Amino acid sequence: PTKNEPLINKLIENIHRKLSPYNHEIIIVDKSDVVPKIKGAKLVLQKSNGLGNAILEGLDHSTGNVVVTMDGDGSHRAQDLPKLIVALRKSDIVIGSKFIEGGKTLDLTHRKFISLIFRKLASFVLGLDLKDSMSGFSAIEREIFKEIKLSPWGYKIILEIVYKAKKKGYSFT
């Protein structure tokens, strides 16, 4: 999902470079007033509102067995994509996190604190042992989307996916 992302074409180039060993497609779902010039990816103009709905609209245009979500603002690194895909050999859902060893965030201290509180609360309330329940960086087996009904509210659709998939017996890391 994107909205007025100035470096989207650079991100697309990096994704293609890192995923060159894999058969892959890149789908950009954009909610801009001005249609961006996208090279090397399929552009879908978002009809609904919200990040979660953008992901669902992109899913409707995808064909692969693995669905990867990432932010279009450069906050997720293309170089980490192969790590997510390899980790799917052991789990049905893999969540990228800036809060594990080797991860980092450029957020200001107060934002890190707010994030910590919300992540801990969400994990506790939903019974999910996640380091970064607010992450938008994930790799998910496509079959999961056929098994769960999603009703995204706001922008934390990955948390909804993990919660509902766990109830169906799918694994996550």
N, C-alpha and C. Protein backbone atom coordinates (compact mmCIF):
# COMPACT_ATOMS: atom_id res chain seq x y z
N PRO A 1 0.83 -1.20 0.00
CA PRO A 1 0.00 0.00 0.00
C PRO A 1 0.88 1.26 0.00
N THR A 2 0.48 2.24 -0.79
CA THR A 2 1.24 3.49 -0.84
C THR A 2 0.29 4.68 -0.91
N LYS A 3 0.85 5.82 -0.60
CA LYS A 3 0.15 7.09 -0.80
C LYS A 3 1.23 8.16 -0.90
N ASN A 4 1.40 8.64 -2.11
CA ASN A 4 2.38 9.70 -2.36
C ASN A 4 3.78 9.34 -1.87
N GLU A 5 4.24 8.15 -2.15
CA GLU A 5 5.57 7.72 -1.73
C GLU A 5 6.60 8.15 -2.77
N PRO A 6 7.49 9.07 -2.42
CA PRO A 6 8.42 9.61 -3.42
C PRO A 6 9.49 8.63 -3.89
N LEU A 7 9.79 7.62 -3.10
CA LEU A 7 10.87 6.69 -3.45
C LEU A 7 10.36 5.30 -3.84
N ILE A 8 9.12 5.22 -4.27
CA ILE A 8 8.53 3.91 -4.54
C ILE A 8 9.24 3.18 -5.67
N ASN A 9 9.66 3.87 -6.70
CA ASN A 9 10.33 3.18 -7.81
C ASN A 9 11.69 2.62 -7.38
N LYS A 10 12.38 3.30 -6.50
CA LYS A 10 13.64 2.78 -5.96
C LYS A 10 13.37 1.52 -5.13
N LEU A 11 12.31 1.53 -4.34
CA LEU A 11 11.94 0.35 -3.56
C LEU A 11 11.60 -0.82 -4.48
N ILE A 12 10.87 -0.56 -5.54
CA ILE A 12 10.52 -1.61 -6.50
C ILE A 12 11.78 -2.22 -7.10
N GLU A 13 12.74 -1.39 -7.49
CA GLU A 13 14.01 -1.89 -8.03
C GLU A 13 14.71 -2.79 -7.02
N ASN A 14 14.76 -2.35 -5.76
CA ASN A 14 15.41 -3.14 -4.70
C ASN A 14 14.69 -4.47 -4.48
N ILE A 15 13.38 -4.45 -4.51
CA ILE A 15 12.62 -5.69 -4.33
C ILE A 15 12.93 -6.66 -5.46
N HIS A 16 12.89 -6.18 -6.69
CA HIS A 16 13.20 -7.06 -7.84
C HIS A 16 14.61 -7.64 -7.70
N ARG A 17 15.55 -6.83 -7.29
CA ARG A 17 16.93 -7.30 -7.14
C ARG A 17 17.03 -8.39 -6.07
N LYS A 18 16.39 -8.18 -4.94
CA LYS A 18 16.48 -9.15 -3.84
C LYS A 18 15.67 -10.41 -4.10
N LEU A 19 14.61 -10.31 -4.89
CA LEU A 19 13.77 -11.47 -5.17
C LEU A 19 14.05 -12.09 -6.53
N SER A 20 15.15 -11.71 -7.15
CA SER A 20 15.46 -12.25 -8.48
C SER A 20 15.52 -13.78 -8.52
N PRO A 21 15.92 -14.49 -7.44
CA PRO A 21 15.89 -15.96 -7.50
C PRO A 21 14.47 -16.54 -7.46
N TYR A 22 13.49 -15.73 -7.14
CA TYR A 22 12.11 -16.19 -6.97
C TYR A 22 11.22 -15.68 -8.09
N ASN A 23 10.24 -16.49 -8.49
CA ASN A 23 9.19 -16.01 -9.36
C ASN A 23 8.32 -15.09 -8.48
N HIS A 24 8.20 -13.84 -8.85
CA HIS A 24 7.49 -12.90 -7.99
C HIS A 24 6.77 -11.83 -8.81
N GLU A 25 5.87 -11.16 -8.15
CA GLU A 25 5.17 -10.01 -8.72
C GLU A 25 5.08 -8.95 -7.64
N ILE A 26 5.06 -7.71 -8.07
CA ILE A 26 4.92 -6.59 -7.13
C ILE A 26 3.63 -5.87 -7.47
N ILE A 27 2.80 -5.71 -6.47
CA ILE A 27 1.53 -5.02 -6.66
C ILE A 27 1.51 -3.81 -5.73
N ILE A 28 1.35 -2.66 -6.31
CA ILE A 28 1.26 -1.41 -5.56
C ILE A 28 -0.20 -0.99 -5.54
N VAL A 29 -0.74 -0.79 -4.36
CA VAL A 29 -2.11 -0.29 -4.23
C VAL A 29 -1.97 1.14 -3.72
N ASP A 30 -2.39 2.08 -4.54
CA ASP A 30 -2.15 3.49 -4.21
C ASP A 30 -3.45 4.27 -4.08
N LYS A 31 -3.47 5.14 -3.09
CA LYS A 31 -4.65 5.97 -2.79
C LYS A 31 -4.34 7.45 -3.01
N SER A 32 -3.47 7.77 -3.96
CA SER A 32 -3.10 9.16 -4.22
C SER A 32 -4.13 9.86 -5.08
N ASP A 33 -4.12 11.18 -4.99
CA ASP A 33 -4.96 11.98 -5.88
C ASP A 33 -4.37 12.01 -7.29
N VAL A 34 -3.05 11.92 -7.37
CA VAL A 34 -2.36 11.92 -8.65
C VAL A 34 -1.80 10.52 -8.87
N VAL A 35 -2.09 9.92 -10.00
CA VAL A 35 -1.62 8.57 -10.30
C VAL A 35 -0.09 8.58 -10.43
N PRO A 36 0.60 7.80 -9.59
CA PRO A 36 2.06 7.79 -9.66
C PRO A 36 2.56 7.03 -10.88
N LYS A 37 3.77 7.36 -11.31
CA LYS A 37 4.40 6.62 -12.40
C LYS A 37 5.18 5.48 -11.77
N ILE A 38 4.71 4.28 -12.00
CA ILE A 38 5.29 3.09 -11.41
C ILE A 38 5.94 2.27 -12.52
N LYS A 39 7.19 1.83 -12.28
CA LYS A 39 7.89 0.98 -13.24
C LYS A 39 8.17 -0.37 -12.59
N GLY A 40 7.84 -1.44 -13.29
CA GLY A 40 8.18 -2.78 -12.81
C GLY A 40 7.21 -3.37 -11.81
N ALA A 41 6.01 -2.80 -11.71
CA ALA A 41 5.02 -3.33 -10.77
C ALA A 41 3.62 -3.06 -11.34
N LYS A 42 2.68 -3.84 -10.87
CA LYS A 42 1.28 -3.61 -11.25
C LYS A 42 0.71 -2.56 -10.30
N LEU A 43 0.09 -1.54 -10.86
CA LEU A 43 -0.51 -0.49 -10.05
C LEU A 43 -2.02 -0.70 -9.97
N VAL A 44 -2.53 -0.74 -8.75
CA VAL A 44 -3.96 -0.84 -8.50
C VAL A 44 -4.37 0.45 -7.78
N LEU A 45 -5.33 1.15 -8.34
CA LEU A 45 -5.82 2.36 -7.69
C LEU A 45 -6.85 1.95 -6.64
N GLN A 46 -6.57 2.29 -5.39
CA GLN A 46 -7.41 1.86 -4.27
C GLN A 46 -8.79 2.51 -4.35
N LYS A 47 -9.82 1.67 -4.22
CA LYS A 47 -11.20 2.14 -4.26
C LYS A 47 -11.77 2.35 -2.86
N SER A 48 -11.26 1.60 -1.90
CA SER A 48 -11.75 1.66 -0.52
C SER A 48 -10.87 2.61 0.28
N ASN A 49 -11.07 2.61 1.58
CA ASN A 49 -10.24 3.42 2.47
C ASN A 49 -9.49 2.53 3.43
N GLY A 50 -8.33 2.96 3.85
CA GLY A 50 -7.57 2.28 4.88
C GLY A 50 -6.53 1.32 4.35
N LEU A 51 -5.49 1.16 5.15
CA LEU A 51 -4.37 0.29 4.78
C LEU A 51 -4.80 -1.17 4.70
N GLY A 52 -5.60 -1.62 5.64
CA GLY A 52 -6.05 -3.01 5.62
C GLY A 52 -6.83 -3.34 4.36
N ASN A 53 -7.71 -2.44 3.97
CA ASN A 53 -8.47 -2.65 2.74
C ASN A 53 -7.57 -2.58 1.51
N ALA A 54 -6.53 -1.76 1.55
CA ALA A 54 -5.58 -1.70 0.43
C ALA A 54 -4.91 -3.06 0.25
N ILE A 55 -4.55 -3.69 1.35
CA ILE A 55 -3.91 -5.00 1.27
C ILE A 55 -4.88 -6.02 0.66
N LEU A 56 -6.14 -5.97 1.06
CA LEU A 56 -7.13 -6.90 0.49
C LEU A 56 -7.35 -6.64 -0.99
N GLU A 57 -7.36 -5.37 -1.40
CA GLU A 57 -7.50 -5.06 -2.82
C GLU A 57 -6.29 -5.58 -3.60
N GLY A 58 -5.10 -5.43 -3.05
CA GLY A 58 -3.90 -5.97 -3.71
C GLY A 58 -3.94 -7.48 -3.79
N LEU A 59 -4.43 -8.12 -2.76
CA LEU A 59 -4.55 -9.58 -2.73
C LEU A 59 -5.44 -10.07 -3.88
N ASP A 60 -6.48 -9.33 -4.17
CA ASP A 60 -7.38 -9.71 -5.28
C ASP A 60 -6.67 -9.70 -6.62
N HIS A 61 -5.57 -8.98 -6.74
CA HIS A 61 -4.82 -8.88 -7.99
C HIS A 61 -3.57 -9.77 -8.01
N SER A 62 -3.32 -10.46 -6.92
CA SER A 62 -2.10 -11.27 -6.83
C SER A 62 -2.37 -12.71 -7.24
N THR A 63 -1.29 -13.41 -7.60
CA THR A 63 -1.44 -14.79 -8.06
C THR A 63 -0.57 -15.78 -7.30
N GLY A 64 0.37 -15.33 -6.52
CA GLY A 64 1.34 -16.22 -5.89
C GLY A 64 0.82 -17.01 -4.71
N ASN A 65 1.58 -18.04 -4.33
CA ASN A 65 1.25 -18.86 -3.17
C ASN A 65 1.68 -18.22 -1.87
N VAL A 66 2.57 -17.24 -1.96
CA VAL A 66 3.04 -16.51 -0.79
C VAL A 66 2.70 -15.04 -1.01
N VAL A 67 2.13 -14.42 0.01
CA VAL A 67 1.80 -13.00 -0.05
C VAL A 67 2.70 -12.28 0.94
N VAL A 68 3.41 -11.30 0.44
CA VAL A 68 4.28 -10.50 1.30
C VAL A 68 3.70 -9.09 1.37
N THR A 69 3.60 -8.56 2.58
CA THR A 69 3.17 -7.18 2.75
C THR A 69 4.33 -6.37 3.29
N MET A 70 4.42 -5.14 2.81
CA MET A 70 5.44 -4.24 3.34
C MET A 70 5.00 -2.81 3.08
N ASP A 71 5.50 -1.91 3.88
CA ASP A 71 5.17 -0.50 3.70
C ASP A 71 5.92 0.06 2.51
N GLY A 72 5.31 0.98 1.81
CA GLY A 72 5.91 1.57 0.63
C GLY A 72 6.77 2.78 0.93
N ASP A 73 6.93 3.11 2.21
CA ASP A 73 7.69 4.31 2.56
C ASP A 73 9.16 4.05 2.84
N GLY A 74 9.61 2.82 2.60
CA GLY A 74 11.02 2.51 2.82
C GLY A 74 11.35 2.09 4.24
N SER A 75 10.36 2.00 5.11
CA SER A 75 10.64 1.61 6.50
C SER A 75 10.93 0.12 6.64
N HIS A 76 10.58 -0.67 5.63
CA HIS A 76 10.92 -2.09 5.59
C HIS A 76 11.96 -2.28 4.50
N ARG A 77 12.98 -3.08 4.80
CA ARG A 77 14.10 -3.24 3.88
C ARG A 77 13.87 -4.40 2.93
N ALA A 78 14.06 -4.13 1.64
CA ALA A 78 13.94 -5.18 0.63
C ALA A 78 14.93 -6.31 0.89
N GLN A 79 16.08 -6.00 1.46
CA GLN A 79 17.10 -7.03 1.72
C GLN A 79 16.62 -8.07 2.72
N ASP A 80 15.57 -7.78 3.48
CA ASP A 80 15.05 -8.75 4.45
C ASP A 80 13.99 -9.68 3.86
N LEU A 81 13.54 -9.42 2.65
CA LEU A 81 12.50 -10.25 2.03
C LEU A 81 12.88 -11.73 1.94
N PRO A 82 14.10 -12.06 1.45
CA PRO A 82 14.45 -13.49 1.41
C PRO A 82 14.41 -14.17 2.78
N LYS A 83 14.74 -13.43 3.85
CA LYS A 83 14.69 -14.00 5.20
C LYS A 83 13.25 -14.39 5.56
N LEU A 84 12.31 -13.52 5.22
CA LEU A 84 10.90 -13.82 5.51
C LEU A 84 10.45 -15.06 4.74
N ILE A 85 10.82 -15.12 3.48
CA ILE A 85 10.39 -16.23 2.63
C ILE A 85 10.99 -17.55 3.10
N VAL A 86 12.26 -17.55 3.45
CA VAL A 86 12.91 -18.77 3.95
C VAL A 86 12.27 -19.21 5.27
N ALA A 87 11.91 -18.25 6.12
CA ALA A 87 11.30 -18.58 7.41
C ALA A 87 9.92 -19.23 7.25
N LEU A 88 9.29 -19.05 6.09
CA LEU A 88 7.99 -19.71 5.84
C LEU A 88 8.12 -21.23 5.76
N ARG A 89 9.31 -21.73 5.66
CA ARG A 89 9.49 -23.19 5.65
C ARG A 89 9.11 -23.80 6.99
N LYS A 90 9.15 -22.97 8.06
CA LYS A 90 8.86 -23.46 9.41
C LYS A 90 7.56 -22.93 10.00
N SER A 91 6.99 -21.89 9.40
CA SER A 91 5.74 -21.28 9.91
C SER A 91 4.85 -20.89 8.75
N ASP A 92 3.57 -20.74 9.02
CA ASP A 92 2.61 -20.33 8.00
C ASP A 92 2.61 -18.81 7.79
N ILE A 93 2.97 -18.08 8.85
CA ILE A 93 3.02 -16.62 8.81
C ILE A 93 4.34 -16.19 9.45
N VAL A 94 5.03 -15.27 8.80
CA VAL A 94 6.27 -14.72 9.35
C VAL A 94 6.10 -13.21 9.42
N ILE A 95 6.38 -12.66 10.60
CA ILE A 95 6.25 -11.22 10.81
C ILE A 95 7.64 -10.63 10.99
N GLY A 96 7.96 -9.65 10.16
CA GLY A 96 9.22 -8.93 10.32
C GLY A 96 9.09 -7.96 11.49
N SER A 97 10.16 -7.82 12.27
CA SER A 97 10.09 -6.97 13.45
C SER A 97 11.33 -6.10 13.58
N LYS A 98 11.09 -4.88 13.98
CA LYS A 98 12.20 -3.98 14.29
C LYS A 98 12.61 -4.11 15.76
N PHE A 99 11.93 -4.99 16.49
CA PHE A 99 12.19 -5.13 17.92
C PHE A 99 12.87 -6.45 18.27
N ILE A 100 13.51 -7.09 17.31
CA ILE A 100 14.28 -8.29 17.59
C ILE A 100 15.75 -7.98 17.37
N GLU A 101 16.60 -8.89 17.75
CA GLU A 101 18.03 -8.70 17.56
C GLU A 101 18.32 -8.44 16.08
N GLY A 102 19.03 -7.36 15.81
CA GLY A 102 19.35 -6.99 14.44
C GLY A 102 18.35 -6.01 13.84
N GLY A 103 17.19 -5.84 14.47
CA GLY A 103 16.20 -4.89 13.99
C GLY A 103 16.48 -3.51 14.53
N LYS A 104 15.90 -2.50 13.88
CA LYS A 104 16.09 -1.14 14.39
C LYS A 104 14.93 -0.27 13.95
N THR A 105 14.76 0.81 14.65
CA THR A 105 13.75 1.80 14.32
C THR A 105 14.36 3.19 14.50
N LEU A 106 13.91 4.11 13.70
CA LEU A 106 14.36 5.49 13.81
C LEU A 106 13.32 6.34 14.55
N ASP A 107 12.33 5.68 15.16
CA ASP A 107 11.29 6.39 15.90
C ASP A 107 11.90 7.14 17.08
N LEU A 108 11.27 8.26 17.42
CA LEU A 108 11.67 9.02 18.60
C LEU A 108 11.32 8.23 19.86
N THR A 109 11.97 8.55 20.96
CA THR A 109 11.81 7.81 22.21
C THR A 109 10.35 7.69 22.64
N HIS A 110 9.60 8.79 22.60
CA HIS A 110 8.21 8.72 23.04
C HIS A 110 7.38 7.79 22.14
N ARG A 111 7.68 7.75 20.84
CA ARG A 111 6.97 6.83 19.94
C ARG A 111 7.34 5.38 20.23
N LYS A 112 8.61 5.13 20.58
CA LYS A 112 9.03 3.78 20.95
C LYS A 112 8.28 3.32 22.19
N PHE A 113 8.12 4.22 23.16
CA PHE A 113 7.43 3.89 24.40
C PHE A 113 5.96 3.59 24.13
N ILE A 114 5.31 4.43 23.35
CA ILE A 114 3.90 4.22 23.01
C ILE A 114 3.74 2.89 22.28
N SER A 115 4.64 2.61 21.36
CA SER A 115 4.61 1.36 20.61
C SER A 115 4.77 0.17 21.54
N LEU A 116 5.71 0.26 22.49
CA LEU A 116 5.94 -0.82 23.45
C LEU A 116 4.67 -1.12 24.23
N ILE A 117 4.02 -0.09 24.75
CA ILE A 117 2.80 -0.28 25.54
C ILE A 117 1.71 -0.94 24.69
N PHE A 118 1.49 -0.42 23.48
CA PHE A 118 0.43 -0.95 22.64
C PHE A 118 0.74 -2.38 22.20
N ARG A 119 2.01 -2.67 21.87
CA ARG A 119 2.39 -4.03 21.45
C ARG A 119 2.15 -5.01 22.58
N LYS A 120 2.56 -4.65 23.78
CA LYS A 120 2.39 -5.54 24.95
C LYS A 120 0.91 -5.76 25.24
N LEU A 121 0.14 -4.69 25.18
CA LEU A 121 -1.29 -4.79 25.46
C LEU A 121 -1.99 -5.68 24.42
N ALA A 122 -1.71 -5.45 23.15
CA ALA A 122 -2.33 -6.24 22.09
C ALA A 122 -1.96 -7.71 22.22
N SER A 123 -0.69 -7.98 22.49
CA SER A 123 -0.25 -9.37 22.63
C SER A 123 -0.92 -10.05 23.82
N PHE A 124 -1.04 -9.32 24.93
CA PHE A 124 -1.65 -9.86 26.14
C PHE A 124 -3.15 -10.13 25.92
N VAL A 125 -3.86 -9.14 25.41
CA VAL A 125 -5.31 -9.26 25.24
C VAL A 125 -5.66 -10.36 24.24
N LEU A 126 -4.89 -10.46 23.17
CA LEU A 126 -5.20 -11.44 22.12
C LEU A 126 -4.51 -12.78 22.33
N GLY A 127 -3.63 -12.86 23.34
CA GLY A 127 -2.94 -14.12 23.62
C GLY A 127 -1.93 -14.49 22.55
N LEU A 128 -1.28 -13.50 21.97
CA LEU A 128 -0.30 -13.74 20.92
C LEU A 128 1.10 -13.38 21.40
N ASP A 129 2.01 -14.29 21.24
CA ASP A 129 3.40 -14.02 21.63
C ASP A 129 4.13 -13.44 20.41
N LEU A 130 3.94 -12.15 20.20
CA LEU A 130 4.56 -11.46 19.08
C LEU A 130 5.47 -10.35 19.58
N LYS A 131 6.63 -10.22 18.97
CA LYS A 131 7.54 -9.12 19.32
C LYS A 131 7.05 -7.80 18.74
N ASP A 132 6.40 -7.86 17.58
CA ASP A 132 5.98 -6.63 16.90
C ASP A 132 4.59 -6.84 16.30
N SER A 133 3.59 -6.78 17.15
CA SER A 133 2.21 -7.02 16.72
C SER A 133 1.68 -5.90 15.83
N MET A 134 2.41 -4.83 15.71
CA MET A 134 1.98 -3.70 14.88
C MET A 134 2.70 -3.65 13.54
N SER A 135 3.50 -4.65 13.26
CA SER A 135 4.29 -4.67 12.03
C SER A 135 3.40 -4.82 10.80
N GLY A 136 3.82 -4.19 9.71
CA GLY A 136 3.15 -4.36 8.43
C GLY A 136 4.00 -5.17 7.46
N PHE A 137 5.09 -5.74 7.99
CA PHE A 137 6.05 -6.48 7.17
C PHE A 137 5.84 -7.97 7.45
N SER A 138 5.32 -8.69 6.45
CA SER A 138 4.97 -10.08 6.70
C SER A 138 5.04 -10.92 5.43
N ALA A 139 5.16 -12.21 5.63
CA ALA A 139 5.03 -13.20 4.56
C ALA A 139 3.99 -14.21 5.04
N ILE A 140 3.00 -14.47 4.20
CA ILE A 140 1.85 -15.28 4.61
C ILE A 140 1.51 -16.26 3.49
N GLU A 141 1.29 -17.51 3.88
CA GLU A 141 0.84 -18.50 2.91
C GLU A 141 -0.55 -18.11 2.41
N ARG A 142 -0.75 -18.09 1.11
CA ARG A 142 -2.00 -17.64 0.51
C ARG A 142 -3.22 -18.40 1.03
N GLU A 143 -3.05 -19.70 1.30
CA GLU A 143 -4.20 -20.52 1.74
C GLU A 143 -4.87 -19.94 2.98
N ILE A 144 -4.12 -19.22 3.80
CA ILE A 144 -4.69 -18.64 5.02
C ILE A 144 -5.81 -17.66 4.68
N PHE A 145 -5.62 -16.89 3.62
CA PHE A 145 -6.63 -15.91 3.23
C PHE A 145 -7.94 -16.57 2.80
N LYS A 146 -7.86 -17.82 2.38
CA LYS A 146 -9.07 -18.55 1.99
C LYS A 146 -9.80 -19.10 3.23
N GLU A 147 -9.08 -19.24 4.32
CA GLU A 147 -9.63 -19.87 5.54
C GLU A 147 -10.19 -18.88 6.55
N ILE A 148 -9.79 -17.63 6.47
CA ILE A 148 -10.25 -16.66 7.48
C ILE A 148 -10.99 -15.50 6.81
N LYS A 149 -11.95 -14.97 7.52
CA LYS A 149 -12.69 -13.80 7.04
C LYS A 149 -12.07 -12.57 7.69
N LEU A 150 -11.66 -11.64 6.87
CA LEU A 150 -11.02 -10.44 7.38
C LEU A 150 -11.97 -9.25 7.30
N SER A 151 -11.95 -8.45 8.35
CA SER A 151 -12.74 -7.23 8.41
C SER A 151 -11.83 -6.12 8.93
N PRO A 152 -10.91 -5.65 8.10
CA PRO A 152 -9.93 -4.69 8.61
C PRO A 152 -10.58 -3.40 9.08
N TRP A 153 -10.13 -2.99 10.20
CA TRP A 153 -10.55 -1.72 10.78
C TRP A 153 -9.26 -0.99 11.11
N GLY A 154 -9.05 0.12 10.49
CA GLY A 154 -7.78 0.81 10.70
C GLY A 154 -6.69 0.20 9.85
N TYR A 155 -5.51 0.15 10.40
CA TYR A 155 -4.35 -0.25 9.59
C TYR A 155 -3.62 -1.47 10.11
N LYS A 156 -4.07 -2.14 11.12
CA LYS A 156 -3.33 -3.27 11.67
C LYS A 156 -3.92 -4.60 11.25
N ILE A 157 -4.02 -4.80 9.96
CA ILE A 157 -4.60 -6.02 9.41
C ILE A 157 -3.74 -7.25 9.70
N ILE A 158 -2.43 -7.09 9.80
CA ILE A 158 -1.55 -8.24 10.06
C ILE A 158 -1.87 -8.82 11.44
N LEU A 159 -2.14 -7.99 12.40
CA LEU A 159 -2.52 -8.46 13.73
C LEU A 159 -3.82 -9.27 13.64
N GLU A 160 -4.79 -8.80 12.87
CA GLU A 160 -6.04 -9.53 12.69
C GLU A 160 -5.79 -10.88 12.00
N ILE A 161 -4.93 -10.87 10.99
CA ILE A 161 -4.62 -12.12 10.28
C ILE A 161 -4.00 -13.14 11.23
N VAL A 162 -3.01 -12.71 12.01
CA VAL A 162 -2.33 -13.63 12.93
C VAL A 162 -3.32 -14.18 13.96
N TYR A 163 -4.14 -13.31 14.53
CA TYR A 163 -5.10 -13.73 15.55
C TYR A 163 -6.08 -14.77 14.99
N LYS A 164 -6.66 -14.48 13.84
CA LYS A 164 -7.66 -15.39 13.26
C LYS A 164 -7.01 -16.66 12.73
N ALA A 165 -5.81 -16.55 12.17
CA ALA A 165 -5.10 -17.74 11.67
C ALA A 165 -4.71 -18.66 12.82
N LYS A 166 -4.29 -18.09 13.93
CA LYS A 166 -3.93 -18.91 15.10
C LYS A 166 -5.14 -19.72 15.57
N LYS A 167 -6.30 -19.10 15.57
CA LYS A 167 -7.52 -19.80 15.98
C LYS A 167 -7.84 -20.98 15.06
N LYS A 168 -7.36 -20.92 13.82
CA LYS A 168 -7.57 -22.00 12.84
C LYS A 168 -6.43 -23.02 12.85
N GLY A 169 -5.44 -22.80 13.74
CA GLY A 169 -4.35 -23.76 13.87
C GLY A 169 -3.10 -23.45 13.07
N TYR A 170 -3.05 -22.30 12.44
CA TYR A 170 -1.86 -21.93 11.67
C TYR A 170 -0.78 -21.42 12.63
N SER A 171 0.47 -21.56 12.21
CA SER A 171 1.59 -21.14 13.05
C SER A 171 2.15 -19.81 12.56
N PHE A 172 2.82 -19.12 13.47
CA PHE A 172 3.43 -17.84 13.14
C PHE A 172 4.72 -17.66 13.91
N THR A 173 5.58 -16.85 13.34
CA THR A 173 6.85 -16.49 14.01
C THR A 173 7.21 -15.08 13.65
